[in-house]
């Protein structure tokens, strides 16, 4: 899980009117320091290099200069804990506790309830614990739990999955989920809006899109016979005439086309693929849009594997001959405005927010 997750953040930023830019290479410390806030998205990898030793050194220096960092990913913190556990309390105000493997991924916090749906029946989320008061060194900042798991059955966990920490001039927020894992587009926007408010990043100021722009974090696997929600952010300066979802079972046959309805969050559209289309052969879907002047946009066709049931060893269709079509979101990014960062092949995901622009870097584990 990770391919395309950046689209959920891009969509939420568009919906909130926050300008951003994307790159595909490691930024230097000098480049980081040009931006007041950073979002780092690492998907579900537990590899130690999702935030490697050089990244950690640069991020620590960036934070000591008064930066803002949102670091997300279902197993990002466990990966860091394996090689540099001391970095976590010093920069994020937390320690790694456990990896919660099973369950629904239900969580709550900030007046919200949501599901972090990594894969059906497997939440695969890091659990955190804030640094205990008797273990806090002199100069330790203010730390608070933001989001917690919300057990829906007796055996599920009730751990911390979101933490805020402020020390000296910097602020950090850590999530053991990515926005692309959340089923509700309005909740995605509200979570990021809350983080930006905590960081002091202003909303608005982003220029409207001249033609329909579609941002969508695609599903990779769903549970056979269960309906699948589809969420996309679609924006256009001229206004939108329609946003549609087309889907079909398997990789052939006629498409079914349904309208996507705008939620209470601006520019966020939602629709549901019915359970009947989620077959053992998987399914395909795509999103399209037309603005009020007749200009059209069509998103990629996403191929989704269908699992036979929840739990370990129950995903025989995840690895399939059609798997490469699931990673169309991996692209080289355009150069950053006025940063000098080029378009090297993508190796990490990092987003930097600013009043005028933002930076985004993606890593794929070695």
Protein backbone atom coordinates (compact mmCIF):
# COMPACT_ATOMS: atom_id res chain seq x y z
CA UNK A 1 0.00 0.00 0.00
CA UNK A 2 1.55 3.29 -0.98
CA UNK A 3 1.21 3.65 -4.74
CA UNK A 4 -1.18 6.54 -5.32
CA UNK A 5 -1.63 7.47 -1.65
CA UNK A 6 -0.13 10.89 -2.42
CA UNK A 7 -3.22 11.61 -4.52
CA UNK A 8 -5.36 11.63 -1.36
CA UNK A 9 -3.16 14.38 0.12
CA UNK A 10 -3.07 16.31 -3.14
CA UNK A 11 -6.86 16.10 -3.31
CA UNK A 12 -7.32 17.29 0.25
CA UNK A 13 -4.96 20.21 -0.35
CA UNK A 14 -6.86 21.16 -3.51
CA UNK A 15 -10.14 21.00 -1.62
CA UNK A 16 -8.70 23.22 1.12
CA UNK A 17 -7.19 25.65 -1.40
CA UNK A 18 -3.59 25.09 -0.28
CA UNK A 19 -0.99 25.41 -3.09
CA UNK A 20 1.50 22.58 -3.46
CA UNK A 21 4.14 21.16 -5.82
CA UNK A 22 5.56 17.65 -6.17
CA UNK A 23 9.09 16.41 -6.72
CA UNK A 24 10.67 12.99 -7.00
CA UNK A 25 14.02 13.34 -5.28
CA UNK A 26 15.45 13.87 -1.80
CA UNK A 27 15.49 17.56 -0.92
CA UNK A 28 18.47 19.08 0.78
CA UNK A 29 18.18 20.75 4.16
CA UNK A 30 18.41 24.13 2.42
CA UNK A 31 15.43 23.23 0.25
CA UNK A 32 13.42 22.02 3.25
CA UNK A 33 14.07 25.25 5.09
CA UNK A 34 12.35 27.24 2.37
CA UNK A 35 9.03 25.73 3.45
CA UNK A 36 7.31 26.10 6.82
CA UNK A 37 5.70 22.64 6.88
CA UNK A 38 6.36 19.12 5.58
CA UNK A 39 4.11 16.09 5.01
CA UNK A 40 5.94 12.76 4.65
CA UNK A 41 3.88 9.79 3.45
CA UNK A 42 5.47 6.34 3.50
CA UNK A 43 2.55 3.99 2.78
CA UNK A 44 2.63 0.68 4.64
CA UNK A 45 6.33 -0.11 4.38
CA UNK A 46 8.14 -1.22 7.53
CA UNK A 47 11.54 -0.93 5.88
CA UNK A 48 14.12 0.99 7.85
CA UNK A 49 14.89 3.12 4.80
CA UNK A 50 11.43 4.67 4.55
CA UNK A 51 12.96 7.44 6.69
CA UNK A 52 16.67 6.70 6.55
CA UNK A 53 19.55 8.08 8.59
CA UNK A 54 20.12 11.01 6.20
CA UNK A 55 16.42 11.83 6.16
CA UNK A 56 16.27 11.81 9.95
CA UNK A 57 19.29 14.08 10.27
CA UNK A 58 17.84 16.60 7.81
CA UNK A 59 14.39 16.48 9.41
CA UNK A 60 15.87 17.03 12.89
CA UNK A 61 17.78 20.08 11.68
CA UNK A 62 14.69 21.31 9.85
CA UNK A 63 12.57 20.96 13.00
CA UNK A 64 15.17 22.64 15.21
CA UNK A 65 14.84 25.62 12.91
CA UNK A 66 11.12 25.86 13.66
CA UNK A 67 9.68 23.55 11.00
CA UNK A 68 6.38 21.67 10.96
CA UNK A 69 6.28 17.95 10.13
CA UNK A 70 3.38 15.56 9.54
CA UNK A 71 4.73 12.02 9.18
CA UNK A 72 2.29 9.29 8.18
CA UNK A 73 2.20 5.61 7.29
CA UNK A 74 0.81 2.47 8.82
CA UNK A 75 4.26 1.05 9.74
CA UNK A 76 6.60 4.00 9.28
CA UNK A 77 7.34 4.41 12.99
CA UNK A 78 8.05 0.72 13.55
CA UNK A 79 10.60 0.95 10.73
CA UNK A 80 12.35 3.86 12.43
CA UNK A 81 12.17 2.16 15.84
CA UNK A 82 14.14 -0.80 14.51
CA UNK A 83 17.21 1.33 13.78
CA UNK A 84 16.93 4.61 15.72
CA UNK A 85 14.36 4.40 18.51
CA UNK A 86 15.80 7.49 20.27
CA UNK A 87 14.87 9.69 17.30
CA UNK A 88 11.16 9.17 17.97
CA UNK A 89 10.73 10.79 21.43
CA UNK A 90 13.16 13.58 20.62
CA UNK A 91 11.33 14.63 17.46
CA UNK A 92 7.83 13.16 17.67
CA UNK A 93 7.23 12.87 21.43
CA UNK A 94 6.37 9.16 21.20
CA UNK A 95 7.67 5.61 21.34
CA UNK A 96 6.65 2.68 19.19
CA UNK A 97 4.51 0.18 21.09
CA UNK A 98 3.23 -2.49 18.72
CA UNK A 99 1.92 -3.31 15.25
CA UNK A 100 -1.80 -4.02 15.30
CA UNK A 101 -2.27 -6.66 12.62
CA UNK A 102 -5.97 -7.47 12.62
CA UNK A 103 -9.24 -5.62 12.99
CA UNK A 104 -11.36 -3.05 11.27
CA UNK A 105 -9.00 -0.08 11.60
CA UNK A 106 -11.74 1.92 13.31
CA UNK A 107 -10.39 5.02 15.03
CA UNK A 108 -11.58 8.26 16.59
CA UNK A 109 -10.28 11.65 17.65
CA UNK A 110 -10.85 15.38 17.15
CA UNK A 111 -14.59 14.69 17.10
CA UNK A 112 -14.22 12.31 14.14
CA UNK A 113 -14.77 8.59 13.65
CA UNK A 114 -13.21 6.79 10.69
CA UNK A 115 -11.78 3.52 9.34
CA UNK A 116 -8.17 3.25 8.17
CA UNK A 117 -8.72 0.48 5.63
CA UNK A 118 -5.33 -0.86 4.53
CA UNK A 119 -6.64 -4.28 3.46
CA UNK A 120 -9.88 -6.09 4.31
CA UNK A 121 -9.65 -7.54 7.79
CA UNK A 122 -6.06 -6.37 8.34
CA UNK A 123 -5.53 -2.87 9.65
CA UNK A 124 -1.71 -3.24 9.95
CA UNK A 125 -1.28 -0.08 11.99
CA UNK A 126 1.51 1.01 14.31
CA UNK A 127 0.47 1.69 17.88
CA UNK A 128 2.23 4.52 19.68
CA UNK A 129 2.58 5.57 23.26
CA UNK A 130 3.44 9.10 24.30
CA UNK A 131 6.59 9.46 26.37
CA UNK A 132 5.67 8.83 30.01
CA UNK A 133 5.96 11.82 32.31
CA UNK A 134 8.63 10.22 34.51
CA UNK A 135 10.74 9.51 31.41
CA UNK A 136 10.63 13.01 29.96
CA UNK A 137 13.99 14.80 30.01
CA UNK A 138 14.42 18.49 30.77
CA UNK A 139 13.20 20.58 27.87
CA UNK A 140 10.69 17.98 26.73
CA UNK A 141 7.76 19.68 25.01
CA UNK A 142 3.99 19.29 25.07
CA UNK A 143 2.62 15.99 23.77
CA UNK A 144 -0.95 14.80 23.29
CA UNK A 145 -2.85 11.87 21.81
CA UNK A 146 -4.92 12.93 18.79
CA UNK A 147 -6.34 9.67 17.42
CA UNK A 148 -6.97 6.28 19.01
CA UNK A 149 -8.13 2.92 17.76
CA UNK A 150 -11.81 2.35 18.47
CA UNK A 151 -12.34 -1.39 19.07
CA UNK A 152 -15.50 -2.65 17.41
CA UNK A 153 -15.14 -6.19 18.76
CA UNK A 154 -13.77 -7.43 22.07
CA UNK A 155 -10.36 -8.61 20.84
CA UNK A 156 -9.42 -5.47 18.93
CA UNK A 157 -6.81 -3.02 20.18
CA UNK A 158 -7.41 0.38 21.75
CA UNK A 159 -4.05 1.95 21.06
CA UNK A 160 -2.86 5.43 20.07
CA UNK A 161 -2.50 6.04 16.32
CA UNK A 162 -2.08 9.83 16.23
CA UNK A 163 0.19 12.08 18.33
CA UNK A 164 0.98 15.81 18.39
CA UNK A 165 4.20 17.16 19.83
CA UNK A 166 5.48 20.73 20.25
CA UNK A 167 8.97 21.49 21.55
CA UNK A 168 10.94 24.69 21.27
CA UNK A 169 10.05 26.28 17.95
CA UNK A 170 8.83 23.16 16.12
CA UNK A 171 5.66 21.09 15.91
CA UNK A 172 5.11 17.54 14.69
CA UNK A 173 2.12 15.29 14.14
CA UNK A 174 2.33 11.53 13.52
CA UNK A 175 -0.36 9.27 12.03
CA UNK A 176 -0.19 5.49 11.65
CA UNK A 177 -2.52 5.75 8.68
CA UNK A 178 -2.57 7.62 5.40
CA UNK A 179 -5.49 9.64 4.09
CA UNK A 180 -5.77 7.30 1.11
CA UNK A 181 -6.76 4.49 3.48
CA UNK A 182 -9.82 6.38 4.76
CA UNK A 183 -13.19 5.56 3.22
CA UNK A 184 -14.78 8.98 3.81
CA UNK A 185 -13.54 11.90 1.69
CA UNK A 186 -14.98 14.51 4.02
CA UNK A 187 -13.09 12.99 6.97
CA UNK A 188 -9.87 13.05 4.94
CA UNK A 189 -10.27 16.77 4.44
CA UNK A 190 -11.17 17.41 8.09
CA UNK A 191 -8.14 15.49 9.37
CA UNK A 192 -5.71 17.39 7.16
CA UNK A 193 -7.45 20.69 7.89
CA UNK A 194 -6.99 20.09 11.62
CA UNK A 195 -3.29 19.33 11.12
CA UNK A 196 -2.74 22.45 9.03
CA UNK A 197 -4.48 24.57 11.65
CA UNK A 198 -2.19 23.09 14.32
CA UNK A 199 0.80 23.95 12.14
CA UNK A 200 -0.48 27.45 11.37
CA UNK A 201 -0.58 26.85 7.59
CA UNK A 202 -3.14 29.22 6.02
CA UNK A 203 -5.87 27.88 3.77
CA UNK A 204 -6.68 29.42 0.43
CA UNK A 205 -4.39 31.09 -2.07
CA UNK A 206 -4.22 28.26 -4.57
CA UNK A 207 -5.08 29.19 -8.16
CA UNK A 208 -8.12 27.39 -9.59
CA UNK A 209 -7.54 24.66 -12.17
CA UNK A 210 -8.20 25.68 -15.79
CA UNK A 211 -9.51 22.21 -16.71
CA UNK A 212 -10.92 19.34 -14.65
CA UNK A 213 -8.27 17.84 -12.36
CA UNK A 214 -8.91 14.46 -10.74
CA UNK A 215 -7.10 13.34 -7.57
CA UNK A 216 -7.82 9.82 -6.38
CA UNK A 217 -5.91 7.28 -4.27
CA UNK A 218 -6.79 3.92 -5.85
CA UNK A 219 -7.64 0.73 -4.04
CA UNK A 220 -5.28 -2.22 -4.51
CA UNK A 221 -7.32 -5.04 -2.97
CA UNK A 222 -10.87 -5.42 -1.69
CA UNK A 223 -12.80 -8.24 -0.05
CA UNK A 224 -14.78 -10.39 -2.46
CA UNK A 225 -18.51 -9.59 -2.37
CA UNK A 226 -18.24 -6.36 -0.36
CA UNK A 227 -19.18 -2.93 -1.72
CA UNK A 228 -16.27 -0.56 -2.35
CA UNK A 229 -16.40 3.23 -1.75
CA UNK A 230 -14.65 5.47 -4.29
CA UNK A 231 -13.55 8.98 -3.27
CA UNK A 232 -12.03 11.62 -5.54
CA UNK A 233 -11.29 15.33 -5.42
CA UNK A 234 -12.23 17.00 -8.69
CA UNK A 235 -11.73 20.72 -9.30
CA UNK A 236 -12.16 23.16 -12.18
CA UNK A 237 -12.22 26.97 -12.41
CA UNK A 238 -15.29 26.94 -14.66
CA UNK A 239 -17.30 24.63 -12.44
CA UNK A 240 -18.20 20.99 -13.00
CA UNK A 241 -21.10 19.72 -15.07
CA UNK A 242 -20.67 16.11 -13.98
CA UNK A 243 -18.33 13.66 -12.32
CA UNK A 244 -18.83 9.98 -13.12
CA UNK A 245 -17.56 6.59 -12.02
CA UNK A 246 -17.42 3.65 -14.41
CA UNK A 247 -16.70 0.11 -13.25
CA UNK A 248 -16.88 -3.50 -14.36
CA UNK A 249 -16.22 -6.92 -12.88
CA UNK A 250 -13.01 -8.50 -14.10
CA UNK A 251 -11.00 -7.01 -16.94
CA UNK A 252 -13.51 -7.27 -19.78
CA UNK A 253 -17.14 -6.62 -20.54
CA UNK A 254 -19.37 -3.58 -20.53
CA UNK A 255 -18.83 -0.67 -18.17
CA UNK A 256 -21.49 0.51 -15.74
CA UNK A 257 -21.51 4.31 -15.37
CA UNK A 258 -22.91 6.08 -12.30
CA UNK A 259 -22.72 9.70 -11.11
CA UNK A 260 -20.39 10.67 -8.30
CA UNK A 261 -22.05 13.00 -5.80
CA UNK A 262 -20.34 15.92 -4.10
CA UNK A 263 -20.01 15.51 -0.35
CA UNK A 264 -20.26 18.24 2.26
CA UNK A 265 -16.57 18.90 1.62
CA UNK A 266 -15.89 21.15 -1.37
CA UNK A 267 -14.69 19.35 -4.51
CA UNK A 268 -14.91 15.90 -2.85
CA UNK A 269 -17.01 13.40 -4.82
CA UNK A 270 -18.07 9.94 -3.76
CA UNK A 271 -19.73 6.85 -5.25
CA UNK A 272 -20.03 3.16 -4.41
CA UNK A 273 -19.07 0.11 -6.45
CA UNK A 274 -21.68 -2.51 -5.51
CA UNK A 275 -20.78 -5.85 -3.98
CA UNK A 276 -21.93 -7.66 -7.12
CA UNK A 277 -19.01 -6.15 -9.08
CA UNK A 278 -16.38 -7.17 -6.52
CA UNK A 279 -15.80 -10.69 -7.78
CA UNK A 280 -13.00 -13.27 -7.37
CA UNK A 281 -11.71 -12.05 -10.74
CA UNK A 282 -11.26 -8.55 -9.31
CA UNK A 283 -12.70 -5.43 -10.90
CA UNK A 284 -11.72 -2.26 -12.77
CA UNK A 285 -12.90 1.31 -12.39
CA UNK A 286 -12.14 4.83 -13.60
CA UNK A 287 -13.31 8.37 -12.83
CA UNK A 288 -14.25 10.99 -15.40
CA UNK A 289 -15.33 14.64 -15.28
CA UNK A 290 -16.74 17.34 -17.56
CA UNK A 291 -16.68 21.05 -16.74
CA UNK A 292 -19.35 23.61 -17.61
CA UNK A 293 -17.55 24.58 -20.83
CA UNK A 294 -17.49 20.97 -22.05
CA UNK A 295 -13.81 20.24 -21.30
CA UNK A 296 -13.39 16.61 -20.29
CA UNK A 297 -10.93 14.73 -18.09
CA UNK A 298 -10.53 10.99 -17.68
CA UNK A 299 -8.61 9.29 -14.90
CA UNK A 300 -6.56 6.10 -15.16
CA UNK A 301 -8.25 2.72 -15.21
CA UNK A 302 -7.49 1.09 -11.85
CA UNK A 303 -7.35 -2.70 -11.63
CA UNK A 304 -8.20 -4.03 -8.17
CA UNK A 305 -7.57 -7.53 -6.87
CA UNK A 306 -10.32 -9.29 -4.92
CA UNK A 307 -9.47 -11.24 -1.76
CA UNK A 308 -11.40 -14.34 -0.76
CA UNK A 309 -11.55 -13.47 2.92
CA UNK A 310 -9.94 -11.52 5.78
CA UNK A 311 -6.77 -12.50 7.57
CA UNK A 312 -3.28 -13.77 6.72
CA UNK A 313 -2.85 -15.90 3.62
CA UNK A 314 -6.23 -14.93 2.21
CA UNK A 315 -5.14 -12.70 -0.65
CA UNK A 316 -4.28 -14.96 -3.60
CA UNK A 317 -5.22 -12.32 -6.16
CA UNK A 318 -3.02 -9.49 -4.88
CA UNK A 319 -0.06 -10.67 -6.94
CA UNK A 320 -1.37 -11.19 -10.45
CA UNK A 321 -0.27 -10.65 -14.08
CA UNK A 322 -2.27 -7.40 -14.04
CA UNK A 323 -0.58 -6.01 -10.95
CA UNK A 324 1.49 -3.37 -12.86
CA UNK A 325 -1.73 -1.61 -13.84
CA UNK A 326 -2.30 -0.93 -10.16
CA UNK A 327 0.73 1.35 -9.89
CA UNK A 328 -0.03 3.98 -12.52
CA UNK A 329 0.27 6.63 -9.82
CA UNK A 330 4.04 6.23 -9.76
CA UNK A 331 5.17 9.11 -11.94
CA UNK A 332 8.03 11.49 -12.32
CA UNK A 333 7.10 14.86 -10.94
CA UNK A 334 7.48 18.33 -12.42
CA UNK A 335 10.33 20.52 -11.17
CA UNK A 336 9.61 22.47 -8.02
CA UNK A 337 9.05 26.19 -8.37
CA UNK A 338 12.21 28.11 -7.47
CA UNK A 339 13.81 25.21 -5.60
CA UNK A 340 16.16 23.76 -8.15
CA UNK A 341 15.04 20.22 -7.34
CA UNK A 342 14.92 18.12 -10.51
CA UNK A 343 12.82 15.20 -11.63
CA UNK A 344 14.93 12.20 -10.67
CA UNK A 345 13.11 8.85 -10.44
CA UNK A 346 10.81 8.70 -7.46
CA UNK A 347 12.26 7.15 -4.34
CA UNK A 348 10.26 8.70 -1.49
CA UNK A 349 7.19 10.78 -0.69
CA UNK A 350 7.52 14.12 1.06
CA UNK A 351 5.24 17.11 0.84
CA UNK A 352 6.16 20.60 2.03
CA UNK A 353 3.39 23.13 2.47
CA UNK A 354 3.74 26.89 2.24
CA UNK A 355 1.60 29.93 1.70
CA UNK A 356 2.68 29.93 -1.92
CA UNK A 357 3.61 26.36 -2.76
CA UNK A 358 4.49 22.93 -1.34
CA UNK A 359 7.02 20.18 -1.88
CA UNK A 360 6.37 16.45 -2.22
CA UNK A 361 8.87 13.56 -2.38
CA UNK A 362 8.15 9.86 -2.74
CA UNK A 363 10.22 6.84 -1.69
CA UNK A 364 9.78 3.27 -2.78
CA UNK A 365 11.58 0.83 -0.42
CA UNK A 366 14.72 -0.84 -1.76
